[in-house]
Amino acid sequence: MGFQDTGLWADVREMPGPLADTIDARAGVADATALLRGDGVRRIVATGNGAAYYVAHALWLASLEAEADGPPIVAVPCGVAVRGGFRWRDGDAVLAVSSSGEFRDVVEIARGAGSRPCVAITADASSSLAAAATATVLQTVANQRAVTHTQALSGAYAAGLALWSAVTGDAGLERLLDGAVAALEAAIGDAEAWAQEVLPGLGAPPAAIVAGGGTAWAAAMELALMLKEVSRIPAEGVETREGATSAMFGLAPGHLMVSLDPGGDPLGDEAVRLCAAAGARTLRPPGAAADARMSMITSLPASAALSAGLAQAAGHDVDKPTWTDAYYETARSAT
């Protein structure tokens, strides 16, 4: 049995369809745009947990490269935003991300928003999050056979980009979204061929770092999460310059370093060179986008294939890891 036989890879192969549906429908984007364009909105607090937080993080990073202005985005893990010590400001709006719409802390933040506008990005219009939000942007998830998010992650990010392009009138971002499905289809084929080539000689690294520049930093955080949750390998996802400096300090022979920057990127090349000099095995999987704002989507197939292959080599269940029940016990909201 190879990674191609897992539910995780079946979810990946299906990703282009739900992604196209999400982008084409832009369900709820108009209402959410009107809300976030309101005169009183001066800051958007984007929040989620795990992969959903990385979507929020990616939207913040993408907003820094926007061709048009909008309210500043700050990405905050929901565990920070839900605490009483988090300082909400006048003019704050909430952008809450949860594909299930049932993550406990995210739902609590939405329910406690009060007079603050709250936009949800979710796949379930009947969820607790959607019920608590002022407006809901819907994404499509056709299947989730594995616990690990693939269709949900790419769809949530695409929904966020569609919303942000509408809020700001960013024509360049609209053009980028227009090519997202074709780019993903190419990335899936490239990832399958690449993984079949590199996995047999990869071994079992005891630790890993993943580096990405610009918005690819969020994609690096997501691959690090997948290495932890699927492969059970301690991993850290960092910005590229951090990969070339602080993150490489702990590397030793047998460790793994993955770069999500395209070949020829000077900072990415430097990070790979320095990590290799520390003794780490270095990889540059396909899917690194020329425009890093698309890396959250295009790097995902190779990330899933790599994580699944390493998990199988270590004898782990790719689709239902041992931590699954404990995660749901703490994560789900009490409806």
Protein backbone atom coordinates (compact mmCIF):
# COMPACT_ATOMS: atom_id res chain seq x y z
CA MET A 1 0.00 0.00 0.00
CA GLY A 2 1.38 3.40 -0.97
CA PHE A 3 0.34 6.95 -0.16
CA GLN A 4 -1.86 6.88 -3.30
CA ASP A 5 -4.09 4.30 -1.58
CA THR A 6 -4.92 6.46 1.44
CA GLY A 7 -8.06 8.45 2.06
CA LEU A 8 -5.82 11.50 2.42
CA TRP A 9 -4.60 11.19 -1.17
CA ALA A 10 -8.14 10.52 -2.42
CA ASP A 11 -9.14 13.80 -0.78
CA VAL A 12 -6.21 15.53 -2.52
CA ARG A 13 -7.10 14.13 -5.94
CA GLU A 14 -10.61 15.56 -5.58
CA MET A 15 -9.44 19.02 -4.50
CA PRO A 16 -9.81 20.84 -7.86
CA GLY A 17 -13.60 20.27 -8.03
CA PRO A 18 -14.51 21.70 -4.62
CA LEU A 19 -11.98 24.50 -5.11
CA ALA A 20 -13.61 25.47 -8.41
CA ASP A 21 -17.06 25.36 -6.79
CA THR A 22 -15.89 27.61 -3.95
CA ILE A 23 -14.30 30.17 -6.26
CA ASP A 24 -17.13 30.17 -8.79
CA ALA A 25 -19.93 30.45 -6.24
CA ARG A 26 -18.34 33.05 -3.97
CA ALA A 27 -21.26 32.22 -1.70
CA GLY A 28 -21.80 34.94 0.86
CA VAL A 29 -18.92 37.11 -0.38
CA ALA A 30 -21.15 40.06 -1.34
CA ASP A 31 -22.80 40.30 2.09
CA ALA A 32 -19.49 39.83 3.92
CA THR A 33 -17.84 42.46 1.71
CA ALA A 34 -20.52 45.00 2.53
CA LEU A 35 -20.00 44.29 6.21
CA LEU A 36 -16.21 44.67 6.11
CA ARG A 37 -16.42 47.79 3.95
CA GLY A 38 -18.56 49.48 6.58
CA ASP A 39 -17.40 52.88 7.75
CA GLY A 40 -16.88 51.66 11.29
CA VAL A 41 -14.49 48.79 10.42
CA ARG A 42 -10.89 49.79 11.11
CA ARG A 43 -9.23 46.39 11.74
CA ILE A 44 -10.00 42.76 10.88
CA VAL A 45 -9.03 40.17 13.48
CA ALA A 46 -8.69 36.89 11.57
CA THR A 47 -8.71 33.81 13.77
CA GLY A 48 -8.86 30.03 13.76
CA ASN A 49 -7.06 26.98 15.12
CA GLY A 50 -4.43 24.77 13.49
CA ALA A 51 -4.90 24.68 9.72
CA ALA A 52 -7.71 27.26 10.01
CA TYR A 53 -5.36 29.61 11.85
CA TYR A 54 -2.80 29.12 9.07
CA VAL A 55 -5.51 30.24 6.63
CA ALA A 56 -5.92 33.41 8.72
CA HIS A 57 -2.13 33.80 8.83
CA ALA A 58 -1.91 33.40 5.04
CA LEU A 59 -4.63 36.00 4.48
CA TRP A 60 -2.71 38.45 6.64
CA LEU A 61 0.49 37.79 4.69
CA ALA A 62 -1.35 38.02 1.35
CA SER A 63 -2.86 41.35 2.42
CA LEU A 64 0.65 42.76 2.83
CA GLU A 65 1.19 42.24 -0.92
CA ALA A 66 -2.17 43.65 -1.99
CA GLU A 67 -2.41 46.09 -4.88
CA ALA A 68 -5.30 47.89 -3.17
CA ASP A 69 -5.91 49.00 0.40
CA GLY A 70 -8.40 47.64 2.91
CA PRO A 71 -8.71 47.49 6.67
CA PRO A 72 -5.52 46.02 8.17
CA ILE A 73 -5.69 42.32 9.01
CA VAL A 74 -4.16 40.88 12.14
CA ALA A 75 -4.01 37.07 12.42
CA VAL A 76 -4.49 35.74 15.94
CA PRO A 77 -4.79 32.11 17.11
CA CYS A 78 -8.24 31.59 18.57
CA GLY A 79 -6.70 30.54 21.89
CA VAL A 80 -5.37 34.09 22.22
CA ALA A 81 -8.47 35.91 20.96
CA VAL A 82 -10.82 33.93 23.22
CA ARG A 83 -9.01 34.96 26.39
CA GLY A 84 -10.21 37.83 28.50
CA GLY A 85 -6.84 39.56 28.22
CA PHE A 86 -7.08 40.06 24.46
CA ARG A 87 -7.67 43.75 23.82
CA TRP A 88 -10.45 44.27 21.31
CA ARG A 89 -10.52 47.77 19.84
CA ASP A 90 -13.26 50.03 18.61
CA GLY A 91 -13.67 49.32 14.91
CA ASP A 92 -12.64 45.66 15.10
CA ALA A 93 -14.36 43.09 12.92
CA VAL A 94 -13.92 39.34 13.33
CA LEU A 95 -13.03 36.94 10.51
CA ALA A 96 -13.55 33.48 12.01
CA VAL A 97 -12.34 30.41 10.10
CA SER A 98 -13.56 26.86 10.80
CA SER A 99 -14.53 24.44 8.06
CA SER A 100 -16.72 22.43 10.44
CA GLY A 101 -18.06 25.57 12.09
CA GLU A 102 -17.84 23.78 15.43
CA PHE A 103 -14.37 24.51 16.79
CA ARG A 104 -15.03 25.45 20.40
CA ASP A 105 -12.95 28.62 20.77
CA VAL A 106 -13.86 30.03 17.36
CA VAL A 107 -17.57 29.60 18.09
CA GLU A 108 -17.10 31.26 21.48
CA ILE A 109 -15.38 34.25 19.85
CA ALA A 110 -18.24 34.62 17.35
CA ARG A 111 -20.89 34.32 20.04
CA GLY A 112 -19.09 36.93 22.13
CA ALA A 113 -18.63 39.41 19.29
CA GLY A 114 -21.53 41.56 20.47
CA SER A 115 -21.72 44.67 18.29
CA ARG A 116 -18.56 43.74 16.39
CA PRO A 117 -19.23 42.52 12.83
CA CYS A 118 -18.33 38.85 12.51
CA VAL A 119 -17.72 37.07 9.21
CA ALA A 120 -17.45 33.28 9.23
CA ILE A 121 -15.65 31.15 6.64
CA THR A 122 -17.06 27.65 6.93
CA ALA A 123 -18.29 24.68 4.91
CA ASP A 124 -21.48 24.25 6.94
CA ALA A 125 -24.21 26.86 6.71
CA SER A 126 -26.07 25.21 9.60
CA SER A 127 -23.08 25.16 11.96
CA SER A 128 -22.81 26.88 15.31
CA LEU A 129 -20.30 29.35 13.84
CA ALA A 130 -22.57 30.31 10.97
CA ALA A 131 -25.47 30.80 13.39
CA ALA A 132 -23.37 33.15 15.54
CA ALA A 133 -21.82 35.16 12.69
CA THR A 134 -23.19 38.32 11.12
CA ALA A 135 -22.34 37.06 7.62
CA THR A 136 -21.05 33.72 6.33
CA VAL A 137 -18.80 32.93 3.37
CA LEU A 138 -19.28 29.31 2.37
CA GLN A 139 -16.68 26.97 0.97
CA THR A 140 -17.29 23.57 -0.62
CA VAL A 141 -15.86 20.36 0.83
CA ALA A 142 -16.88 17.31 -1.20
CA ASN A 143 -15.25 14.70 1.06
CA GLN A 144 -13.00 14.44 4.07
CA ARG A 145 -11.94 10.81 4.38
CA ALA A 146 -8.85 11.67 6.41
CA VAL A 147 -8.74 13.71 9.60
CA THR A 148 -6.16 16.00 7.98
CA HIS A 149 -7.63 18.95 6.09
CA THR A 150 -6.99 19.26 2.35
CA GLN A 151 -10.19 20.33 0.55
CA ALA A 152 -11.20 22.34 3.61
CA LEU A 153 -7.85 24.13 3.77
CA SER A 154 -7.63 25.08 0.10
CA GLY A 155 -11.30 26.09 0.00
CA ALA A 156 -11.12 28.23 3.12
CA TYR A 157 -8.08 30.06 1.82
CA ALA A 158 -9.64 30.58 -1.62
CA ALA A 159 -12.82 31.87 0.05
CA GLY A 160 -10.72 34.28 2.09
CA LEU A 161 -8.86 35.51 -0.99
CA ALA A 162 -12.15 35.98 -2.86
CA LEU A 163 -13.47 38.01 0.06
CA TRP A 164 -10.32 40.11 0.35
CA SER A 165 -10.20 40.83 -3.39
CA ALA A 166 -13.82 42.00 -3.20
CA VAL A 167 -13.19 44.16 -0.12
CA THR A 168 -10.14 45.83 -1.67
CA GLY A 169 -10.99 45.71 -5.39
CA ASP A 170 -7.65 43.99 -6.02
CA ALA A 171 -7.76 43.00 -9.71
CA GLY A 172 -4.42 41.21 -9.51
CA LEU A 173 -5.71 38.94 -6.79
CA GLU A 174 -8.79 38.20 -8.87
CA ARG A 175 -6.55 37.12 -11.75
CA LEU A 176 -4.56 34.91 -9.40
CA LEU A 177 -7.75 33.20 -8.23
CA ASP A 178 -8.82 32.65 -11.84
CA GLY A 179 -5.77 30.43 -12.33
CA ALA A 180 -5.94 28.60 -9.00
CA VAL A 181 -7.75 25.46 -10.16
CA ALA A 182 -5.44 24.85 -13.13
CA ALA A 183 -2.41 25.45 -10.93
CA LEU A 184 -3.72 22.95 -8.37
CA GLU A 185 -4.40 20.31 -11.03
CA ALA A 186 -0.81 20.59 -12.27
CA ALA A 187 0.52 20.50 -8.71
CA ILE A 188 -1.30 17.23 -7.93
CA GLY A 189 0.25 15.44 -10.89
CA ASP A 190 3.69 16.85 -10.15
CA ALA A 191 3.44 15.90 -6.47
CA GLU A 192 2.49 12.29 -7.19
CA ALA A 193 5.45 11.78 -9.53
CA TRP A 194 7.85 13.58 -7.17
CA ALA A 195 6.79 11.61 -4.10
CA GLN A 196 7.20 8.28 -5.87
CA GLU A 197 10.76 9.31 -6.68
CA VAL A 198 11.93 10.72 -3.32
CA LEU A 199 10.07 8.69 -0.69
CA PRO A 200 11.89 5.36 -1.12
CA GLY A 201 15.27 6.80 -0.11
CA LEU A 202 14.09 9.27 2.49
CA GLY A 203 14.23 7.12 5.63
CA ALA A 204 12.68 8.27 8.89
CA PRO A 205 13.91 11.75 9.91
CA PRO A 206 13.70 12.35 13.69
CA ALA A 207 12.86 16.05 13.21
CA ALA A 208 12.17 18.55 10.44
CA ILE A 209 11.90 22.21 9.59
CA VAL A 210 9.94 23.72 6.71
CA ALA A 211 10.70 27.18 5.32
CA GLY A 212 8.76 29.48 3.01
CA GLY A 213 8.98 33.14 2.10
CA GLY A 214 6.13 35.64 1.96
CA THR A 215 2.74 33.96 2.07
CA ALA A 216 4.52 30.61 1.63
CA TRP A 217 5.45 30.99 5.30
CA ALA A 218 1.88 29.96 6.12
CA ALA A 219 2.22 26.98 3.76
CA ALA A 220 5.41 26.02 5.62
CA MET A 221 3.50 26.10 8.91
CA GLU A 222 0.85 23.84 7.36
CA LEU A 223 3.39 21.27 6.13
CA ALA A 224 5.03 21.28 9.56
CA LEU A 225 1.60 20.58 11.07
CA MET A 226 1.04 17.71 8.63
CA LEU A 227 4.43 16.21 9.47
CA LYS A 228 3.42 16.32 13.13
CA GLU A 229 -0.15 15.11 12.84
CA VAL A 230 0.25 12.55 10.03
CA SER A 231 3.91 11.47 10.18
CA ARG A 232 4.37 12.05 13.95
CA ILE A 233 7.64 13.89 13.28
CA PRO A 234 8.47 16.95 15.43
CA ALA A 235 8.53 19.82 12.96
CA GLU A 236 8.62 23.60 12.80
CA GLY A 237 7.35 25.84 10.00
CA VAL A 238 9.26 29.10 9.61
CA GLU A 239 9.78 32.08 7.34
CA THR A 240 12.69 31.57 4.96
CA ARG A 241 15.16 33.90 6.65
CA GLU A 242 14.38 32.25 9.99
CA GLY A 243 15.13 28.94 8.29
CA ALA A 244 18.57 30.21 7.31
CA THR A 245 19.29 31.57 10.79
CA SER A 246 17.55 30.50 13.99
CA ALA A 247 15.70 27.38 12.76
CA MET A 248 18.81 25.72 11.37
CA PHE A 249 20.61 25.82 14.72
CA GLY A 250 19.02 22.57 15.89
CA LEU A 251 19.58 20.63 12.66
CA ALA A 252 21.83 17.58 12.63
CA PRO A 253 22.60 14.74 10.22
CA GLY A 254 19.44 12.74 9.55
CA HIS A 255 17.09 15.68 10.05
CA LEU A 256 14.90 16.97 7.22
CA MET A 257 14.63 20.49 5.80
CA VAL A 258 11.92 21.28 3.23
CA SER A 259 11.93 24.53 1.26
CA LEU A 260 8.70 25.81 -0.28
CA ASP A 261 10.46 28.60 -2.16
CA PRO A 262 10.97 28.12 -5.92
CA GLY A 263 14.43 27.22 -7.13
CA GLY A 264 16.43 30.29 -8.03
CA ASP A 265 14.99 32.37 -5.18
CA PRO A 266 18.14 33.79 -3.56
CA LEU A 267 16.91 33.63 0.03
CA GLY A 268 15.43 30.16 -0.47
CA ASP A 269 18.65 28.92 -2.06
CA GLU A 270 20.65 30.29 0.85
CA ALA A 271 18.41 28.60 3.41
CA VAL A 272 18.74 25.26 1.64
CA ARG A 273 22.51 25.59 1.42
CA LEU A 274 22.97 26.43 5.10
CA CYS A 275 20.62 23.70 6.31
CA ALA A 276 22.39 21.15 4.10
CA ALA A 277 25.71 22.27 5.56
CA ALA A 278 24.31 21.44 9.01
CA GLY A 279 23.82 17.86 7.80
CA ALA A 280 20.08 17.93 7.06
CA ARG A 281 18.54 16.23 4.04
CA THR A 282 16.98 19.02 1.98
CA LEU A 283 13.94 18.81 -0.30
CA ARG A 284 12.26 21.28 -2.63
CA PRO A 285 8.94 19.68 -3.56
CA PRO A 286 6.88 20.82 -6.54
CA GLY A 287 4.15 23.34 -5.94
CA ALA A 288 6.22 26.37 -4.98
CA ALA A 289 4.30 29.14 -6.72
CA ALA A 290 5.95 32.03 -8.52
CA ASP A 291 3.43 34.19 -6.68
CA ALA A 292 3.76 32.99 -3.08
CA ARG A 293 0.15 33.95 -2.36
CA MET A 294 -0.88 30.78 -4.20
CA SER A 295 1.54 28.48 -2.33
CA MET A 296 -1.03 27.69 0.36
CA ILE A 297 -2.95 25.83 -2.36
CA THR A 298 -0.29 24.59 -4.77
CA SER A 299 2.12 23.21 -2.15
CA LEU A 300 -0.59 21.18 -0.42
CA PRO A 301 -0.49 18.08 -2.67
CA ALA A 302 3.25 17.54 -2.19
CA SER A 303 2.88 18.24 1.54
CA ALA A 304 0.19 15.56 1.81
CA ALA A 305 2.14 13.03 -0.25
CA LEU A 306 5.33 13.56 1.76
CA SER A 307 3.54 13.35 5.12
CA ALA A 308 1.57 10.24 4.13
CA GLY A 309 4.63 8.45 2.77
CA LEU A 310 6.68 9.14 5.89
CA ALA A 311 3.77 8.02 8.08
CA GLN A 312 3.43 4.74 6.22
CA ALA A 313 7.17 4.09 6.50
CA ALA A 314 6.84 4.42 10.29
CA GLY A 315 3.70 2.25 10.48
CA HIS A 316 1.24 5.05 11.33
CA ASP A 317 -2.41 5.26 10.28
CA VAL A 318 -2.49 8.12 7.77
CA ASP A 319 -6.24 8.71 7.85
CA LYS A 320 -6.99 8.33 11.56
CA PRO A 321 -3.94 9.02 13.73
CA THR A 322 -3.88 7.91 17.34
CA TRP A 323 -4.54 11.44 18.62
CA THR A 324 -7.87 11.83 16.76
CA ASP A 325 -10.28 11.12 19.64
CA ALA A 326 -8.38 13.33 22.08
CA TYR A 327 -8.40 16.17 19.56
CA TYR A 328 -12.15 16.06 18.99
CA GLU A 329 -12.78 15.84 22.73
CA THR A 330 -11.16 19.24 23.28
CA ALA A 331 -11.89 20.89 19.94
CA ARG A 332 -15.62 20.60 19.36
CA SER A 333 -18.09 23.12 20.71
CA ALA A 334 -20.96 22.30 23.00
CA THR A 335 -23.90 23.23 20.76
